C-alpha atoms as a PDB file:
ATOM      1  CA  UNK A   1      72.550 383.529 236.453  1.00  0.00           C
ATOM      2  CA  UNK A   2      71.538 387.049 237.434  1.00  0.00           C
ATOM      3  CA  UNK A   3      72.534 389.999 235.258  1.00  0.00           C
ATOM      4  CA  UNK A   4      75.052 387.810 233.393  1.00  0.00           C
ATOM      5  CA  UNK A   5      76.771 386.852 236.659  1.00  0.00           C
ATOM      6  CA  UNK A   6      76.933 383.511 238.473  1.00  0.00           C
ATOM      7  CA  UNK A   7      74.440 383.515 241.363  1.00  0.00           C
ATOM      8  CA  UNK A   8      74.554 380.898 244.121  1.00  0.00           C
ATOM      9  CA  UNK A   9      71.401 380.549 246.226  1.00  0.00           C
ATOM     10  CA  UNK A  10      70.504 378.376 249.207  1.00  0.00           C
ATOM     11  CA  UNK A  11      67.323 377.591 251.131  1.00  0.00           C
ATOM     12  CA  UNK A  12      67.799 378.852 254.706  1.00  0.00           C
ATOM     13  CA  UNK A  13      65.541 377.515 257.443  1.00  0.00           C
ATOM     14  CA  UNK A  14      64.460 379.370 260.566  1.00  0.00           C
ATOM     15  CA  UNK A  15      67.134 381.751 261.842  1.00  0.00           C
ATOM     16  CA  UNK A  16      69.973 380.333 259.719  1.00  0.00           C
ATOM     17  CA  UNK A  17      72.555 382.873 258.632  1.00  0.00           C
ATOM     18  CA  UNK A  18      75.574 382.755 256.331  1.00  0.00           C
ATOM     19  CA  UNK A  19      78.530 381.373 258.312  1.00  0.00           C
ATOM     20  CA  UNK A  20      80.921 380.861 255.413  1.00  0.00           C
ATOM     21  CA  UNK A  21      81.435 380.523 251.683  1.00  0.00           C
ATOM     22  CA  UNK A  22      84.216 378.953 249.611  1.00  0.00           C
ATOM     23  CA  UNK A  23      84.572 379.269 245.835  1.00  0.00           C
ATOM     24  CA  UNK A  24      87.332 377.443 244.015  1.00  0.00           C
ATOM     25  CA  UNK A  25      88.348 376.885 240.447  1.00  0.00           C
ATOM     26  CA  UNK A  26      88.870 373.141 240.071  1.00  0.00           C
ATOM     27  CA  UNK A  27      92.542 372.372 239.473  1.00  0.00           C
ATOM     28  CA  UNK A  28      93.806 375.877 240.275  1.00  0.00           C
ATOM     29  CA  UNK A  29      94.886 376.243 243.897  1.00  0.00           C
ATOM     30  CA  UNK A  30      95.516 379.961 243.351  1.00  0.00           C
ATOM     31  CA  UNK A  31      91.900 380.714 242.402  1.00  0.00           C
ATOM     32  CA  UNK A  32      90.180 380.224 245.756  1.00  0.00           C
ATOM     33  CA  UNK A  33      87.942 382.665 247.612  1.00  0.00           C
ATOM     34  CA  UNK A  34      86.933 381.875 251.161  1.00  0.00           C
ATOM     35  CA  UNK A  35      85.182 383.889 253.818  1.00  0.00           C
ATOM     36  CA  UNK A  36      83.959 382.938 257.278  1.00  0.00           C
ATOM     37  CA  UNK A  37      81.864 385.222 259.435  1.00  0.00           C
ATOM     38  CA  UNK A  38      82.042 385.778 263.188  1.00  0.00           C
ATOM     39  CA  UNK A  39      78.807 385.125 265.081  1.00  0.00           C
ATOM     40  CA  UNK A  40      77.844 388.790 265.290  1.00  0.00           C
ATOM     41  CA  UNK A  41      78.713 389.413 261.617  1.00  0.00           C
ATOM     42  CA  UNK A  42      76.846 386.555 259.898  1.00  0.00           C
ATOM     43  CA  UNK A  43      74.709 388.083 257.128  1.00  0.00           C
ATOM     44  CA  UNK A  44      71.063 387.142 256.765  1.00  0.00           C
ATOM     45  CA  UNK A  45      70.227 385.225 253.583  1.00  0.00           C
ATOM     46  CA  UNK A  46      67.014 384.404 251.766  1.00  0.00           C
ATOM     47  CA  UNK A  47      66.187 381.912 249.042  1.00  0.00           C
ATOM     48  CA  UNK A  48      65.962 384.858 246.616  1.00  0.00           C
ATOM     49  CA  UNK A  49      69.345 386.374 247.528  1.00  0.00           C
ATOM     50  CA  UNK A  50      72.606 385.589 245.732  1.00  0.00           C
ATOM     51  CA  UNK A  51      75.368 384.574 248.137  1.00  0.00           C
ATOM     52  CA  UNK A  52      78.099 387.218 248.074  1.00  0.00           C
ATOM     53  CA  UNK A  53      81.094 386.078 246.019  1.00  0.00           C
ATOM     54  CA  UNK A  54      83.209 389.205 246.574  1.00  0.00           C
ATOM     55  CA  UNK A  55      83.230 389.709 242.772  1.00  0.00           C
ATOM     56  CA  UNK A  56      84.978 386.383 242.171  1.00  0.00           C
ATOM     57  CA  UNK A  57      85.980 386.159 238.504  1.00  0.00           C
ATOM     58  CA  UNK A  58      84.269 383.168 236.921  1.00  0.00           C
ATOM     59  CA  UNK A  59      85.819 382.476 233.515  1.00  0.00           C
ATOM     60  CA  UNK A  60      84.463 380.608 230.516  1.00  0.00           C
ATOM     61  CA  UNK A  61      85.859 377.128 229.926  1.00  0.00           C
ATOM     62  CA  UNK A  62      86.612 376.518 233.605  1.00  0.00           C
ATOM     63  CA  UNK A  63      84.990 374.409 236.327  1.00  0.00           C
ATOM     64  CA  UNK A  64      84.189 375.527 239.858  1.00  0.00           C
ATOM     65  CA  UNK A  65      83.108 374.227 243.219  1.00  0.00           C
ATOM     66  CA  UNK A  66      81.115 376.286 245.714  1.00  0.00           C
ATOM     67  CA  UNK A  67      80.449 375.460 249.370  1.00  0.00           C
ATOM     68  CA  UNK A  68      78.099 377.479 251.567  1.00  0.00           C
ATOM     69  CA  UNK A  69      77.660 376.979 255.314  1.00  0.00           C
ATOM     70  CA  UNK A  70      74.511 378.154 257.069  1.00  0.00           C
ATOM     71  CA  UNK A  71      74.386 378.265 260.862  1.00  0.00           C
ATOM     72  CA  UNK A  72      71.431 378.572 263.229  1.00  0.00           C
ATOM     73  CA  UNK A  73      72.487 380.645 266.253  1.00  0.00           C
ATOM     74  CA  UNK A  74      69.325 379.504 268.052  1.00  0.00           C
ATOM     75  CA  UNK A  75      70.063 375.791 267.577  1.00  0.00           C
ATOM     76  CA  UNK A  76      73.674 376.262 268.598  1.00  0.00           C
ATOM     77  CA  UNK A  77      72.777 378.177 271.773  1.00  0.00           C
ATOM     78  CA  UNK A  78      70.334 375.390 272.722  1.00  0.00           C
ATOM     79  CA  UNK A  79      72.862 372.633 271.964  1.00  0.00           C
ATOM     80  CA  UNK A  80      70.740 371.237 269.126  1.00  0.00           C
ATOM     81  CA  UNK A  81      72.799 369.334 266.556  1.00  0.00           C
ATOM     82  CA  UNK A  82      73.319 369.817 263.742  1.00  0.00           C
ATOM     83  CA  UNK A  83      73.266 373.588 264.170  1.00  0.00           C
ATOM     84  CA  UNK A  84      74.845 374.110 260.747  1.00  0.00           C
ATOM     85  CA  UNK A  85      74.154 372.871 257.237  1.00  0.00           C
ATOM     86  CA  UNK A  86      76.615 372.703 254.352  1.00  0.00           C
ATOM     87  CA  UNK A  87      75.596 373.113 250.719  1.00  0.00           C
ATOM     88  CA  UNK A  88      77.863 372.299 247.800  1.00  0.00           C
ATOM     89  CA  UNK A  89      77.651 372.589 244.034  1.00  0.00           C
ATOM     90  CA  UNK A  90      79.954 371.985 241.101  1.00  0.00           C
ATOM     91  CA  UNK A  91      79.579 373.524 237.666  1.00  0.00           C
ATOM     92  CA  UNK A  92      81.358 374.713 234.544  1.00  0.00           C
ATOM     93  CA  UNK A  93      81.089 378.155 233.022  1.00  0.00           C
ATOM     94  CA  UNK A  94      80.754 378.888 229.314  1.00  0.00           C
ATOM     95  CA  UNK A  95      81.007 382.257 227.643  1.00  0.00           C
ATOM     96  CA  UNK A  96      78.696 382.305 224.627  1.00  0.00           C
ATOM     97  CA  UNK A  97      79.327 385.554 222.730  1.00  0.00           C
ATOM     98  CA  UNK A  98      79.649 387.575 225.932  1.00  0.00           C
ATOM     99  CA  UNK A  99      76.828 385.803 227.742  1.00  0.00           C
ATOM    100  CA  UNK A 100      77.856 383.648 230.692  1.00  0.00           C
ATOM    101  CA  UNK A 101      76.216 380.219 230.951  1.00  0.00           C
ATOM    102  CA  UNK A 102      76.473 377.778 233.846  1.00  0.00           C
ATOM    103  CA  UNK A 103      76.520 374.039 233.167  1.00  0.00           C
ATOM    104  CA  UNK A 104      75.920 371.818 236.242  1.00  0.00           C
ATOM    105  CA  UNK A 105      78.480 369.086 236.947  1.00  0.00           C
ATOM    106  CA  UNK A 106      77.179 365.538 236.664  1.00  0.00           C
END
């Protein structure tokens, strides 16, 4: 949580950049956000940076899944596999008197 907003972070290695992100409310096919980036548009990420969620509306009492793909342009250009890594997390959101809380899925 950062400023009462869900914050997803990853641990990039080397020259890895954000290749894509998917956020979905579990059980609601209409509440999905997905974004993939072209090679020349992949944003840099750091371990201290929240992954952009395009202001996705996380609501209390609901469960979510998030997938983040990081890609190393250097590894890909050299034919080193895997050039990409996928991170995933599941969690529920609670609203406690206006304060958002995240509860990890087990």
